[in-house]
Structures are given as C-alpha cells and as structure tokens.
Amino acid sequence: MFNKFIRYVGKNFGNPNGIGGKISTKIMNVINQKQYKTVLENIESKDTVLDIGFGNGYLIEKLFKNKNPIIYGIEISKDMLEKVKERNVGKIGNGSLKLSLEDISKTSFRSDTFDKVYTVNTVYFWKEPDKCFTEIKRILKQNGVFLNVIYTKEYLDKIVYTKYGFNKFSLEELEQLTVENGMNLIKTIEIQKNKSYCIISGMGRSISLESSNRPFAASPI
C-alpha cells in the first residue's frame, strides 16, 4: 500500500492532478525555497517572463509580490491551470498574467517574446529535451536568458518517490545538453552544494564548461 502511494505521488510531480498533485506541489513549495530565491534574484521588474510548469502558482505569486514583471505561464496539467486561474482573476484581467495549457516542446508564442524563461525542476519530465531547447531558443529575445533550476541526479537518487517518472541528470550532463542544443552557458549558480543548481544560458555571451562558476553563491546576472 505504501509503495503504491509513493508511486502515485511521484508520478504527480511531472503532471500534478487531484490529491496527488496537491501533495506533490506542496512538497515542492517547501523544499524549493532556496531555488525560488535564486529565480527571484535573477528577474527584473521590467522583464517579460515565461514560467514553464508553474504547478500551483506559488513562485508566480512570489514574483508578483517582489518584482511585479509581466508573467506568462504554461502548464501541462489542466487541474493546476484552472486552480491558478481561479486565484488570479484580477491579474489575468489586467493583462499582467497570462496562463495557458501548453507543452514547452511546442508553444503558441511568437518568436523573440521573452526576456527571461525559467523553470524549476521540470527538465526531468521533458519527453523530448532537444525540441524543448529549440523552442526556448525561438521564444527568447536576442539577449534573453534561460534559467534552468535543477536538483542533481545524485541528490534525487536519495529520494524514494523519484523512482517513478523522473529522468535524472547530473549537472555536467545538463550543461552539456544545453550546449549541444545551441545555447551558450552564461553562469552556473551553486544553490546548495552537490545538490541544487541554476544553469543560466542564452544566445549571447558565453563561458566554457571548464570555467563555469559553480562555487559562486546565488547572485543576479
């Protein structure tokens, strides 16, 4: 019985729905606080941003409270989309928040739309990572950046529910995947040593994999 429950919750991290989705998103809200802080430090009030996989909308609400940019959000869970829309009628009405049911592998956005695209712990659930990176490149502005916030495979392997539905990566694998898909590494921020990182990439300035500043504390780009 316990294993079935763990499997149920684990699978809801990739596509949160119902009770399992409520549990998984609440877990993320608790354990991801330092990751959220890093995103907040790298978003400006003037930015037009895209949140890939906004879940229960927790980080979107923090962004409005602290930065107040123009926010777009995409989610593959219809359940999460409807719940977040219900809580943000005013912001949707005034045009500061736009939410849609979409997959990052193919979106409805025009090219060169966003200053920043960010995602927190969704890359493990991308079915076709190459297509996702291609789409991110298309919708970013010329000097826009992508913030990919992740936990490492080494850390995730210690968590029982990540046995179900997670495609895990080491930091080095994700940095390499980023470069192989035509994006330039700008900075890799070490959020929690050997555990959590923010890989910042874009189409402009770049660094080599060897010079990636992993030991640096979280700081705005």
Protein backbone atom coordinates (compact mmCIF):
# COMPACT_ATOMS: atom_id res chain seq x y z
CA MET A 1 0.00 0.00 0.00
CA PHE A 2 2.78 2.43 0.95
CA ASN A 3 4.68 1.74 -2.29
CA LYS A 4 1.53 2.39 -4.34
CA PHE A 5 1.07 5.73 -2.58
CA ILE A 6 4.70 6.73 -3.18
CA ARG A 7 4.38 5.76 -6.85
CA TYR A 8 1.16 7.79 -7.13
CA VAL A 9 2.72 10.89 -5.58
CA GLY A 10 5.94 10.51 -7.58
CA LYS A 11 4.14 10.42 -10.91
CA ASN A 12 2.25 13.58 -9.94
CA PHE A 13 5.43 15.64 -9.86
CA GLY A 14 5.55 15.55 -13.65
CA ASN A 15 1.84 16.19 -14.22
CA PRO A 16 0.13 17.23 -10.96
CA ASN A 17 -3.56 16.42 -10.71
CA GLY A 18 -6.06 15.80 -7.93
CA ILE A 19 -4.95 14.89 -4.42
CA GLY A 20 -1.57 13.61 -5.64
CA GLY A 21 -0.97 16.89 -7.43
CA LYS A 22 -1.85 18.88 -4.35
CA ILE A 23 0.59 16.83 -2.26
CA SER A 24 3.42 16.98 -4.81
CA THR A 25 3.17 20.74 -5.35
CA LYS A 26 3.08 21.40 -1.60
CA ILE A 27 6.21 19.29 -1.17
CA MET A 28 7.90 21.33 -3.90
CA ASN A 29 6.89 24.61 -2.25
CA VAL A 30 8.59 23.51 0.97
CA ILE A 31 11.83 22.03 -0.39
CA ASN A 32 12.38 24.51 -3.25
CA GLN A 33 12.62 27.74 -1.24
CA LYS A 34 16.32 28.35 -2.00
CA GLN A 35 15.68 27.62 -5.67
CA TYR A 36 12.82 30.13 -5.76
CA LYS A 37 15.09 32.73 -4.16
CA THR A 38 17.63 32.27 -6.95
CA VAL A 39 14.96 32.81 -9.62
CA LEU A 40 13.72 35.95 -7.85
CA GLU A 41 17.26 37.36 -7.73
CA ASN A 42 17.59 36.98 -11.49
CA ILE A 43 14.28 38.53 -12.58
CA GLU A 44 13.79 42.28 -13.05
CA SER A 45 10.53 44.23 -12.80
CA LYS A 46 10.83 45.29 -16.46
CA ASP A 47 11.10 41.70 -17.69
CA THR A 48 8.56 39.75 -19.68
CA VAL A 49 8.99 36.22 -18.36
CA LEU A 50 7.74 32.70 -19.00
CA ASP A 51 7.28 30.13 -16.24
CA ILE A 52 7.50 26.59 -17.61
CA GLY A 53 5.41 24.28 -15.43
CA PHE A 54 4.08 26.69 -12.81
CA GLY A 55 2.35 23.99 -10.73
CA ASN A 56 0.18 25.57 -8.03
CA GLY A 57 1.44 29.06 -8.90
CA TYR A 58 3.49 29.58 -5.74
CA LEU A 59 6.51 31.13 -7.47
CA ILE A 60 4.33 33.28 -9.71
CA GLU A 61 2.75 34.81 -6.61
CA LYS A 62 6.19 35.47 -5.10
CA LEU A 63 7.32 37.16 -8.31
CA PHE A 64 4.34 39.50 -8.30
CA LYS A 65 4.93 40.34 -4.65
CA ASN A 66 8.65 41.05 -5.06
CA LYS A 67 9.22 42.06 -8.70
CA ASN A 68 5.88 42.52 -10.49
CA PRO A 69 7.02 41.68 -14.06
CA ILE A 70 4.72 40.63 -16.90
CA ILE A 71 4.35 36.88 -16.46
CA TYR A 72 3.29 34.16 -18.85
CA GLY A 73 2.94 30.62 -17.60
CA ILE A 74 2.47 27.27 -19.29
CA GLU A 75 1.40 24.04 -17.65
CA ILE A 76 0.53 20.56 -18.94
CA SER A 77 -1.83 19.95 -16.02
CA LYS A 78 -5.34 21.23 -16.70
CA ASP A 79 -6.10 20.86 -12.99
CA MET A 80 -3.25 23.18 -11.95
CA LEU A 81 -4.09 25.65 -14.73
CA GLU A 82 -7.69 26.00 -13.59
CA LYS A 83 -6.74 26.38 -9.92
CA VAL A 84 -4.15 29.08 -10.57
CA LYS A 85 -6.51 30.95 -12.89
CA GLU A 86 -9.17 30.96 -10.18
CA ARG A 87 -6.77 32.57 -7.70
CA ASN A 88 -5.51 35.21 -10.13
CA VAL A 89 -8.60 36.57 -11.85
CA GLY A 90 -7.54 40.19 -11.27
CA LYS A 91 -4.03 39.82 -12.67
CA ILE A 92 -5.32 37.90 -15.68
CA GLY A 93 -7.93 40.60 -16.20
CA ASN A 94 -5.41 43.45 -16.24
CA GLY A 95 -3.03 41.59 -18.56
CA SER A 96 -0.12 41.17 -16.15
CA LEU A 97 -0.57 37.37 -16.06
CA LYS A 98 -1.31 35.07 -18.99
CA LEU A 99 -1.65 31.32 -18.45
CA SER A 100 -2.15 28.53 -20.95
CA LEU A 101 -2.27 24.75 -21.27
CA GLU A 102 0.85 24.02 -23.32
CA ASP A 103 3.97 21.89 -23.53
CA ILE A 104 7.34 23.62 -23.86
CA SER A 105 8.27 21.38 -26.79
CA LYS A 106 5.83 23.41 -28.91
CA THR A 107 4.16 26.64 -27.80
CA SER A 108 1.88 29.24 -29.36
CA PHE A 109 4.17 32.19 -28.57
CA ARG A 110 5.74 34.41 -31.21
CA SER A 111 9.48 34.31 -31.69
CA ASP A 112 11.57 36.77 -29.63
CA THR A 113 8.91 37.24 -26.96
CA PHE A 114 10.62 36.78 -23.59
CA ASP A 115 13.43 38.46 -21.67
CA LYS A 116 13.63 35.51 -19.30
CA VAL A 117 12.36 31.94 -19.45
CA TYR A 118 12.66 29.94 -16.26
CA THR A 119 11.72 26.53 -14.98
CA VAL A 120 12.16 24.89 -11.60
CA ASN A 121 12.57 21.11 -11.58
CA THR A 122 10.67 20.27 -14.76
CA VAL A 123 13.52 19.15 -17.02
CA TYR A 124 13.26 15.59 -15.65
CA PHE A 125 9.83 15.32 -17.29
CA TRP A 126 10.62 16.67 -20.76
CA LYS A 127 9.88 13.86 -23.20
CA GLU A 128 11.92 15.45 -25.98
CA PRO A 129 14.58 17.73 -24.46
CA ASP A 130 16.06 18.74 -27.83
CA LYS A 131 12.70 20.07 -29.03
CA CYS A 132 12.21 21.90 -25.73
CA PHE A 133 15.55 23.69 -26.03
CA THR A 134 14.81 24.58 -29.65
CA GLU A 135 11.51 26.14 -28.61
CA ILE A 136 13.10 28.05 -25.74
CA LYS A 137 15.68 29.50 -28.16
CA ARG A 138 12.91 30.54 -30.55
CA ILE A 139 10.79 32.40 -27.99
CA LEU A 140 13.68 34.12 -26.17
CA LYS A 141 14.63 37.64 -27.22
CA GLN A 142 18.08 38.06 -28.77
CA ASN A 143 19.71 38.83 -25.40
CA GLY A 144 17.24 36.82 -23.33
CA VAL A 145 18.27 34.15 -20.86
CA PHE A 146 17.01 30.77 -19.72
CA LEU A 147 17.14 29.85 -16.02
CA ASN A 148 17.05 26.07 -15.61
CA VAL A 149 16.85 25.26 -11.89
CA ILE A 150 17.54 21.64 -11.02
CA TYR A 151 18.39 19.04 -8.43
CA THR A 152 21.21 16.70 -9.39
CA LYS A 153 20.78 13.02 -10.12
CA GLU A 154 23.00 12.25 -7.14
CA TYR A 155 20.59 14.03 -4.82
CA LEU A 156 17.37 12.82 -6.45
CA ASP A 157 18.53 9.21 -6.24
CA LYS A 158 18.25 9.52 -2.44
CA ILE A 159 14.53 10.37 -2.59
CA VAL A 160 12.16 7.42 -2.80
CA TYR A 161 9.44 9.00 -4.97
CA THR A 162 11.89 9.96 -7.74
CA LYS A 163 11.99 6.32 -8.82
CA TYR A 164 8.74 6.99 -10.64
CA GLY A 165 8.62 9.14 -13.78
CA PHE A 166 11.86 11.09 -13.27
CA ASN A 167 14.58 11.24 -15.96
CA LYS A 168 17.52 12.40 -13.85
CA PHE A 169 20.65 14.26 -14.94
CA SER A 170 23.96 15.15 -13.39
CA LEU A 171 24.90 18.83 -13.52
CA GLU A 172 27.53 18.09 -16.16
CA GLU A 173 25.02 16.22 -18.32
CA LEU A 174 22.59 19.13 -18.26
CA GLU A 175 25.28 21.69 -19.01
CA GLN A 176 26.39 19.56 -21.96
CA LEU A 177 22.80 19.11 -23.16
CA THR A 178 22.36 22.89 -23.05
CA VAL A 179 25.47 23.50 -25.16
CA GLU A 180 24.67 20.70 -27.61
CA ASN A 181 21.34 22.37 -28.29
CA GLY A 182 22.96 25.63 -29.36
CA MET A 183 22.70 27.68 -26.19
CA ASN A 184 25.63 29.46 -24.57
CA LEU A 185 26.36 28.91 -20.91
CA ILE A 186 26.41 32.24 -19.06
CA LYS A 187 26.68 31.11 -15.45
CA THR A 188 26.01 28.09 -13.30
CA ILE A 189 24.95 29.10 -9.79
CA GLU A 190 25.50 26.66 -6.97
CA ILE A 191 22.38 26.94 -4.80
CA GLN A 192 23.13 24.02 -2.49
CA LYS A 193 26.48 22.23 -2.75
CA ASN A 194 26.33 18.99 -4.78
CA LYS A 195 22.53 19.20 -4.66
CA SER A 196 20.91 22.11 -6.46
CA TYR A 197 21.98 24.46 -9.26
CA CYS A 198 20.68 27.13 -11.61
CA ILE A 199 22.07 26.79 -15.13
CA ILE A 200 21.79 30.17 -16.85
CA SER A 201 22.12 30.14 -20.63
CA GLY A 202 21.22 32.25 -23.62
CA MET A 203 22.11 33.20 -27.17
CA GLY A 204 24.57 35.95 -26.21
CA ARG A 205 27.67 35.93 -24.02
CA SER A 206 29.04 32.56 -23.06
CA ILE A 207 31.57 30.73 -20.90
CA SER A 208 33.30 27.42 -21.38
CA LEU A 209 32.20 24.38 -19.43
CA GLU A 210 35.59 24.38 -17.73
CA SER A 211 35.15 27.94 -16.44
CA SER A 212 31.55 27.59 -15.27
CA ASN A 213 31.48 29.33 -11.88
CA ARG A 214 29.71 26.64 -9.91
CA PRO A 215 31.11 27.57 -6.49
CA PHE A 216 29.56 31.06 -6.59
CA ALA A 217 26.66 31.88 -4.29
CA ALA A 218 23.34 32.82 -5.83
CA SER A 219 23.57 36.27 -7.38
CA PRO A 220 21.81 38.21 -10.14
CA ILE A 221 23.28 38.02 -13.62
